[in-house]
Structure formats: structure tokens, C-alpha cells
């Protein structure tokens, strides 16, 4: 659990660093569309870092559910945001990793879907 939280905290710090880097240093390097894409990567990363902390802080989720949600969201951050950073900060050809960003987005959806499943199952148990 502490390893997940440490990685999550590092990703939170990284999102602030990358956000500042994007707002200042990349203004002169990227065009408006590319900069907006970069900002989207930072936003999704920071938002899901916060979600992971909330999941772990909540007594609503079991430890197994918290870990599963965290692994899903961490994988999504690395694939979705990471691929956006790679595209805009390196010379990687977009055509070679085009599939990585949507796969990360799919994992974000999977994580939220799993959370809905958990909520729905708990609500069913409360009504019985």
C-alpha cells in the first residue's frame, strides 16, 4: 500500500512540475493544439492522483478494491499521460505509439466502471 501511495505522491509532484514546465517552457516550443494536448495529459494525471488518494483514504473500499483501482488508474496514467508526454517531449514518431493513448483512456474508463460496479453492489447489499 505504501509503495502505491509513494508512487502516487511522486506522480502528483510530477504533474505540478510538468504543468509548470508546460505553462512556461513549452509555450515557445509547442503550437496551441500540442500545448492543449500536453495540458490534458497533466490534468488527467493530477485528477487521477487525487482519486487514488481518496480511494485509499475512504473506508468504503476494501484493501483489495483500493489496490485494484489504484493499479488500474496508475497504469492509465502511465499509458495515457505518459504517451502524451512522450509524443510532445521526445522525437518519438506518433505513428509508432498511436494506440497507447487510447489504451490509457480505456483503462481510465475501466477504473471508473469498476468503481460504479463497487458502488452498485454495495447499494444492493444495503437494500437486502
N, C-alpha and C. Protein backbone atom coordinates (compact mmCIF):
# COMPACT_ATOMS: atom_id res chain seq x y z
N UNK A 1 0.82 -1.19 0.00
CA UNK A 1 0.00 0.00 0.00
C UNK A 1 0.87 1.26 0.00
N UNK A 2 1.92 1.27 0.85
CA UNK A 2 2.76 2.47 0.93
C UNK A 2 3.54 2.69 -0.36
N UNK A 3 3.86 1.62 -1.07
CA UNK A 3 4.54 1.76 -2.36
C UNK A 3 3.61 2.47 -3.35
N UNK A 4 2.34 2.05 -3.37
CA UNK A 4 1.37 2.68 -4.28
C UNK A 4 1.21 4.15 -3.93
N UNK A 5 1.09 4.45 -2.64
CA UNK A 5 0.91 5.84 -2.22
C UNK A 5 2.15 6.68 -2.51
N UNK A 6 3.33 6.11 -2.37
CA UNK A 6 4.56 6.83 -2.68
C UNK A 6 4.64 7.14 -4.17
N UNK A 7 4.35 6.14 -5.00
CA UNK A 7 4.34 6.36 -6.45
C UNK A 7 3.30 7.42 -6.82
N UNK A 8 2.14 7.35 -6.18
CA UNK A 8 1.07 8.31 -6.44
C UNK A 8 1.51 9.72 -6.06
N UNK A 9 2.17 9.86 -4.90
CA UNK A 9 2.65 11.17 -4.48
C UNK A 9 3.71 11.70 -5.45
N UNK A 10 4.59 10.83 -5.91
CA UNK A 10 5.59 11.24 -6.90
C UNK A 10 4.93 11.70 -8.20
N UNK A 11 3.88 10.99 -8.61
CA UNK A 11 3.15 11.40 -9.82
C UNK A 11 2.42 12.72 -9.60
N UNK A 12 1.96 12.97 -8.38
CA UNK A 12 1.35 14.25 -8.06
C UNK A 12 2.36 15.38 -8.19
N UNK A 13 3.55 15.17 -7.62
CA UNK A 13 4.63 16.16 -7.74
C UNK A 13 5.00 16.36 -9.20
N UNK A 14 5.13 15.27 -9.94
CA UNK A 14 5.49 15.35 -11.35
C UNK A 14 4.44 16.12 -12.15
N UNK A 15 3.17 15.96 -11.80
CA UNK A 15 2.14 16.68 -12.55
C UNK A 15 2.25 18.19 -12.33
N UNK A 16 2.65 18.60 -11.14
CA UNK A 16 2.84 20.03 -10.88
C UNK A 16 4.06 20.54 -11.65
N UNK A 17 5.14 19.76 -11.62
CA UNK A 17 6.35 20.15 -12.36
C UNK A 17 6.06 20.24 -13.86
N UNK A 18 5.39 19.21 -14.39
CA UNK A 18 5.08 19.21 -15.83
C UNK A 18 4.10 20.31 -16.20
N UNK A 19 3.16 20.59 -15.31
CA UNK A 19 2.21 21.67 -15.57
C UNK A 19 2.93 23.01 -15.66
N UNK A 20 3.85 23.25 -14.74
CA UNK A 20 4.62 24.49 -14.77
C UNK A 20 5.53 24.54 -16.00
N UNK A 21 6.15 23.41 -16.30
CA UNK A 21 7.02 23.32 -17.47
C UNK A 21 6.22 23.62 -18.74
N UNK A 22 5.02 23.04 -18.83
CA UNK A 22 4.17 23.27 -20.00
C UNK A 22 3.72 24.71 -20.11
N UNK A 23 3.39 25.31 -18.96
CA UNK A 23 2.89 26.68 -18.97
C UNK A 23 3.96 27.70 -19.32
N UNK A 24 5.21 27.36 -19.04
CA UNK A 24 6.27 28.35 -19.25
C UNK A 24 7.22 27.94 -20.38
N UNK A 25 7.90 26.83 -20.24
CA UNK A 25 8.95 26.46 -21.20
C UNK A 25 8.40 25.98 -22.54
N UNK A 26 7.26 25.29 -22.52
CA UNK A 26 6.76 24.72 -23.77
C UNK A 26 5.94 25.69 -24.60
N UNK A 27 5.60 26.85 -24.03
CA UNK A 27 4.83 27.86 -24.77
C UNK A 27 5.51 28.24 -26.08
N UNK A 28 6.82 28.28 -26.04
CA UNK A 28 7.58 28.71 -27.21
C UNK A 28 7.90 27.55 -28.15
N UNK A 29 7.70 26.31 -27.68
CA UNK A 29 8.11 25.14 -28.45
C UNK A 29 6.94 24.46 -29.15
N UNK A 30 5.81 24.37 -28.46
CA UNK A 30 4.65 23.66 -28.99
C UNK A 30 3.64 24.65 -29.56
N UNK A 31 2.88 24.20 -30.56
CA UNK A 31 1.79 25.04 -31.06
C UNK A 31 0.61 24.92 -30.09
N UNK A 32 -0.43 25.69 -30.31
CA UNK A 32 -1.56 25.75 -29.38
C UNK A 32 -2.23 24.39 -29.20
N UNK A 33 -2.39 23.65 -30.28
CA UNK A 33 -3.03 22.33 -30.21
C UNK A 33 -2.17 21.34 -29.42
N UNK A 34 -0.88 21.36 -29.66
CA UNK A 34 0.03 20.48 -28.93
C UNK A 34 0.08 20.84 -27.45
N UNK A 35 0.09 22.12 -27.15
CA UNK A 35 0.12 22.56 -25.76
C UNK A 35 -1.16 22.15 -25.04
N UNK A 36 -2.28 22.23 -25.72
CA UNK A 36 -3.56 21.80 -25.14
C UNK A 36 -3.54 20.30 -24.86
N UNK A 37 -2.99 19.52 -25.77
CA UNK A 37 -2.85 18.08 -25.57
C UNK A 37 -1.97 17.79 -24.36
N UNK A 38 -0.86 18.51 -24.24
CA UNK A 38 0.04 18.34 -23.10
C UNK A 38 -0.69 18.66 -21.79
N UNK A 39 -1.45 19.75 -21.78
CA UNK A 39 -2.22 20.14 -20.60
C UNK A 39 -3.25 19.07 -20.23
N UNK A 40 -3.84 18.43 -21.23
CA UNK A 40 -4.79 17.35 -20.98
C UNK A 40 -4.10 16.19 -20.26
N UNK A 41 -2.91 15.84 -20.70
CA UNK A 41 -2.15 14.78 -20.03
C UNK A 41 -1.88 15.11 -18.57
N UNK A 42 -1.48 16.36 -18.31
CA UNK A 42 -1.21 16.80 -16.93
C UNK A 42 -2.50 16.77 -16.11
N UNK A 43 -3.59 17.27 -16.68
CA UNK A 43 -4.87 17.32 -15.97
C UNK A 43 -5.34 15.92 -15.58
N UNK A 44 -5.33 14.99 -16.53
CA UNK A 44 -5.77 13.63 -16.24
C UNK A 44 -4.88 12.96 -15.20
N UNK A 45 -3.59 13.24 -15.27
CA UNK A 45 -2.66 12.67 -14.29
C UNK A 45 -3.00 13.20 -12.89
N UNK A 46 -3.10 14.50 -12.74
CA UNK A 46 -3.35 15.09 -11.43
C UNK A 46 -4.71 14.67 -10.89
N UNK A 47 -5.71 14.66 -11.75
CA UNK A 47 -7.05 14.28 -11.30
C UNK A 47 -7.07 12.85 -10.76
N UNK A 48 -6.39 11.95 -11.44
CA UNK A 48 -6.44 10.56 -11.01
C UNK A 48 -5.50 10.27 -9.84
N UNK A 49 -4.48 11.09 -9.66
CA UNK A 49 -3.67 11.00 -8.45
C UNK A 49 -4.56 11.32 -7.25
N UNK A 50 -5.36 12.35 -7.35
CA UNK A 50 -6.28 12.72 -6.27
C UNK A 50 -7.30 11.60 -6.02
N UNK A 51 -7.81 11.01 -7.10
CA UNK A 51 -8.77 9.91 -6.95
C UNK A 51 -8.13 8.74 -6.19
N UNK A 52 -6.90 8.41 -6.51
CA UNK A 52 -6.23 7.30 -5.82
C UNK A 52 -6.11 7.60 -4.33
N UNK A 53 -5.74 8.81 -3.97
CA UNK A 53 -5.65 9.17 -2.56
C UNK A 53 -7.01 9.09 -1.87
N UNK A 54 -8.05 9.53 -2.53
CA UNK A 54 -9.40 9.46 -1.96
C UNK A 54 -9.81 8.00 -1.76
N UNK A 55 -9.53 7.16 -2.73
CA UNK A 55 -9.89 5.74 -2.64
C UNK A 55 -9.20 5.11 -1.43
N UNK A 56 -7.91 5.40 -1.24
CA UNK A 56 -7.19 4.83 -0.11
C UNK A 56 -7.62 5.42 1.22
N UNK A 57 -8.04 6.68 1.23
CA UNK A 57 -8.46 7.34 2.47
C UNK A 57 -9.86 6.93 2.88
N UNK A 58 -10.63 6.42 1.94
CA UNK A 58 -12.02 6.06 2.20
C UNK A 58 -12.12 4.67 2.82
N UNK A 59 -12.97 4.56 3.80
CA UNK A 59 -13.22 3.24 4.40
C UNK A 59 -14.28 2.48 3.60
N UNK A 60 -14.80 3.10 2.56
CA UNK A 60 -15.83 2.48 1.73
C UNK A 60 -15.29 1.30 0.95
N UNK A 61 -14.04 1.39 0.52
CA UNK A 61 -13.43 0.35 -0.31
C UNK A 61 -12.63 -0.62 0.55
N UNK A 62 -12.66 -1.90 0.16
CA UNK A 62 -11.79 -2.87 0.81
C UNK A 62 -10.36 -2.60 0.36
N UNK A 63 -9.39 -3.20 1.05
CA UNK A 63 -8.00 -3.01 0.66
C UNK A 63 -7.76 -3.55 -0.75
N UNK A 64 -8.37 -4.68 -1.05
CA UNK A 64 -8.21 -5.27 -2.39
C UNK A 64 -8.80 -4.35 -3.46
N UNK A 65 -9.98 -3.79 -3.21
CA UNK A 65 -10.59 -2.87 -4.17
C UNK A 65 -9.74 -1.62 -4.35
N UNK A 66 -9.19 -1.10 -3.24
CA UNK A 66 -8.33 0.09 -3.32
C UNK A 66 -7.11 -0.19 -4.17
N UNK A 67 -6.48 -1.34 -3.95
CA UNK A 67 -5.29 -1.68 -4.72
C UNK A 67 -5.62 -1.88 -6.19
N UNK A 68 -6.72 -2.57 -6.46
CA UNK A 68 -7.12 -2.82 -7.85
C UNK A 68 -7.38 -1.50 -8.57
N UNK A 69 -8.17 -0.62 -7.94
CA UNK A 69 -8.45 0.68 -8.55
C UNK A 69 -7.16 1.47 -8.76
N UNK A 70 -6.27 1.41 -7.80
CA UNK A 70 -5.01 2.14 -7.92
C UNK A 70 -4.17 1.61 -9.06
N UNK A 71 -4.05 0.31 -9.18
CA UNK A 71 -3.27 -0.27 -10.28
C UNK A 71 -3.87 0.10 -11.63
N UNK A 72 -5.19 0.07 -11.72
CA UNK A 72 -5.85 0.45 -12.98
C UNK A 72 -5.54 1.91 -13.31
N UNK A 73 -5.75 2.80 -12.33
CA UNK A 73 -5.54 4.22 -12.58
C UNK A 73 -4.06 4.57 -12.80
N UNK A 74 -3.16 3.92 -12.07
CA UNK A 74 -1.73 4.17 -12.29
C UNK A 74 -1.31 3.72 -13.69
N UNK A 75 -1.80 2.57 -14.10
CA UNK A 75 -1.50 2.09 -15.46
C UNK A 75 -2.05 3.05 -16.50
N UNK A 76 -3.25 3.56 -16.25
CA UNK A 76 -3.86 4.51 -17.17
C UNK A 76 -3.04 5.80 -17.26
N UNK A 77 -2.57 6.28 -16.11
CA UNK A 77 -1.74 7.49 -16.11
C UNK A 77 -0.48 7.28 -16.94
N UNK A 78 0.20 6.16 -16.70
CA UNK A 78 1.43 5.90 -17.43
C UNK A 78 1.18 5.79 -18.93
N UNK A 79 0.10 5.12 -19.31
CA UNK A 79 -0.16 4.95 -20.74
C UNK A 79 -0.71 6.22 -21.38
N UNK A 80 -1.74 6.80 -20.78
CA UNK A 80 -2.40 7.97 -21.36
C UNK A 80 -1.50 9.21 -21.28
N UNK A 81 -1.23 9.65 -20.06
CA UNK A 81 -0.43 10.86 -19.89
C UNK A 81 1.00 10.64 -20.37
N UNK A 82 1.56 9.48 -20.04
CA UNK A 82 2.93 9.19 -20.44
C UNK A 82 3.13 9.23 -21.94
N UNK A 83 2.16 8.69 -22.68
CA UNK A 83 2.30 8.72 -24.15
C UNK A 83 2.18 10.13 -24.69
N UNK A 84 1.33 10.94 -24.08
CA UNK A 84 1.21 12.34 -24.50
C UNK A 84 2.52 13.08 -24.25
N UNK A 85 3.13 12.85 -23.08
CA UNK A 85 4.41 13.49 -22.78
C UNK A 85 5.47 13.02 -23.77
N UNK A 86 5.49 11.72 -24.04
CA UNK A 86 6.49 11.17 -24.97
C UNK A 86 6.34 11.77 -26.35
N UNK A 87 5.11 11.93 -26.79
CA UNK A 87 4.86 12.49 -28.12
C UNK A 87 5.36 13.93 -28.21
N UNK A 88 5.12 14.71 -27.16
CA UNK A 88 5.43 16.14 -27.22
C UNK A 88 6.82 16.51 -26.71
N UNK A 89 7.46 15.63 -25.95
CA UNK A 89 8.76 15.97 -25.37
C UNK A 89 9.93 15.21 -26.00
N UNK A 90 9.63 14.23 -26.82
CA UNK A 90 10.70 13.46 -27.45
C UNK A 90 10.49 13.44 -28.96
N UNK A 91 11.36 12.77 -29.63
CA UNK A 91 11.24 12.66 -31.08
C UNK A 91 10.55 11.36 -31.50
N UNK A 92 9.83 10.73 -30.56
CA UNK A 92 9.10 9.50 -30.88
C UNK A 92 8.06 9.80 -31.95
N UNK A 93 7.99 8.94 -32.93
CA UNK A 93 7.02 9.09 -34.00
C UNK A 93 5.64 8.71 -33.48
N UNK A 94 4.70 9.61 -33.62
CA UNK A 94 3.33 9.39 -33.15
C UNK A 94 2.76 8.10 -33.75
N UNK A 95 3.09 7.82 -34.99
CA UNK A 95 2.55 6.64 -35.66
C UNK A 95 2.96 5.34 -34.98
N UNK A 96 4.10 5.36 -34.29
CA UNK A 96 4.58 4.13 -33.65
C UNK A 96 3.90 3.85 -32.31
N UNK A 97 3.34 4.90 -31.69
CA UNK A 97 2.68 4.67 -30.38
C UNK A 97 1.26 5.21 -30.35
N UNK A 98 0.63 5.35 -31.51
CA UNK A 98 -0.71 5.94 -31.59
C UNK A 98 -1.72 5.22 -30.71
N UNK A 99 -1.55 3.93 -30.51
CA UNK A 99 -2.51 3.10 -29.79
C UNK A 99 -2.38 3.21 -28.27
N UNK A 100 -1.28 3.76 -27.78
CA UNK A 100 -1.03 3.78 -26.33
C UNK A 100 -1.97 4.75 -25.62
N UNK A 101 -2.16 5.93 -26.17
CA UNK A 101 -3.02 6.93 -25.53
C UNK A 101 -4.46 6.43 -25.39
N UNK A 102 -5.09 5.89 -26.45
CA UNK A 102 -6.45 5.39 -26.27
C UNK A 102 -6.53 4.20 -25.31
N UNK A 103 -5.48 3.39 -25.27
CA UNK A 103 -5.46 2.28 -24.31
C UNK A 103 -5.47 2.81 -22.88
N UNK A 104 -4.70 3.86 -22.63
CA UNK A 104 -4.72 4.51 -21.32
C UNK A 104 -6.10 5.08 -21.01
N UNK A 105 -6.72 5.71 -22.01
CA UNK A 105 -8.08 6.23 -21.82
C UNK A 105 -9.07 5.13 -21.51
N UNK A 106 -8.90 3.99 -22.17
CA UNK A 106 -9.76 2.83 -21.90
C UNK A 106 -9.59 2.35 -20.46
N UNK A 107 -8.35 2.37 -19.96
CA UNK A 107 -8.11 1.98 -18.58
C UNK A 107 -8.73 2.96 -17.59
N UNK A 108 -8.70 4.27 -17.93
CA UNK A 108 -9.40 5.23 -17.08
C UNK A 108 -10.89 4.86 -16.99
N UNK A 109 -11.48 4.57 -18.14
CA UNK A 109 -12.90 4.19 -18.16
C UNK A 109 -13.14 2.90 -17.38
N UNK A 110 -12.24 1.94 -17.52
CA UNK A 110 -12.35 0.69 -16.79
C UNK A 110 -12.31 0.94 -15.28
N UNK A 111 -11.41 1.80 -14.84
CA UNK A 111 -11.33 2.13 -13.41
C UNK A 111 -12.61 2.76 -12.90
N UNK A 112 -13.15 3.71 -13.64
CA UNK A 112 -14.41 4.34 -13.23
C UNK A 112 -15.57 3.33 -13.29
N UNK A 113 -15.54 2.48 -14.30
CA UNK A 113 -16.58 1.43 -14.39
C UNK A 113 -16.50 0.47 -13.22
N UNK A 114 -15.29 0.10 -12.82
CA UNK A 114 -15.13 -0.78 -11.66
C UNK A 114 -15.63 -0.10 -10.40
N UNK A 115 -15.41 1.19 -10.28
CA UNK A 115 -15.90 1.93 -9.12
C UNK A 115 -17.43 1.94 -9.11
N UNK A 116 -18.05 2.13 -10.26
CA UNK A 116 -19.51 2.08 -10.36
C UNK A 116 -20.01 0.70 -9.94
N UNK A 117 -19.33 -0.34 -10.40
CA UNK A 117 -19.68 -1.72 -10.03
C UNK A 117 -19.62 -1.90 -8.51
N UNK A 118 -18.58 -1.39 -7.88
CA UNK A 118 -18.44 -1.50 -6.42
C UNK A 118 -19.59 -0.77 -5.74
N UNK A 119 -19.88 0.45 -6.17
CA UNK A 119 -20.98 1.23 -5.58
C UNK A 119 -22.31 0.53 -5.76
N UNK A 120 -22.55 0.02 -6.95
CA UNK A 120 -23.82 -0.66 -7.24
C UNK A 120 -23.98 -1.90 -6.37
N UNK A 121 -22.93 -2.71 -6.27
CA UNK A 121 -23.00 -3.91 -5.43
C UNK A 121 -23.23 -3.58 -3.96
N UNK A 122 -22.58 -2.53 -3.47
CA UNK A 122 -22.78 -2.14 -2.07
C UNK A 122 -24.19 -1.63 -1.86
N UNK A 123 -24.75 -0.93 -2.84
CA UNK A 123 -26.12 -0.43 -2.69
C UNK A 123 -27.12 -1.58 -2.70
N UNK A 124 -26.85 -2.62 -3.47
CA UNK A 124 -27.72 -3.79 -3.48
C UNK A 124 -27.70 -4.51 -2.15
N UNK A 125 -26.53 -4.60 -1.53
CA UNK A 125 -26.40 -5.27 -0.24
C UNK A 125 -27.09 -4.49 0.87
N UNK A 126 -27.14 -3.17 0.75
CA UNK A 126 -27.79 -2.32 1.76
C UNK A 126 -29.31 -2.48 1.71
N UNK A 127 -29.86 -2.76 0.50
CA UNK A 127 -31.32 -2.85 0.36
C UNK A 127 -31.86 -4.22 0.74
N UNK A 128 -30.96 -5.21 0.84
CA UNK A 128 -31.42 -6.57 1.21
C UNK A 128 -31.71 -6.70 2.68
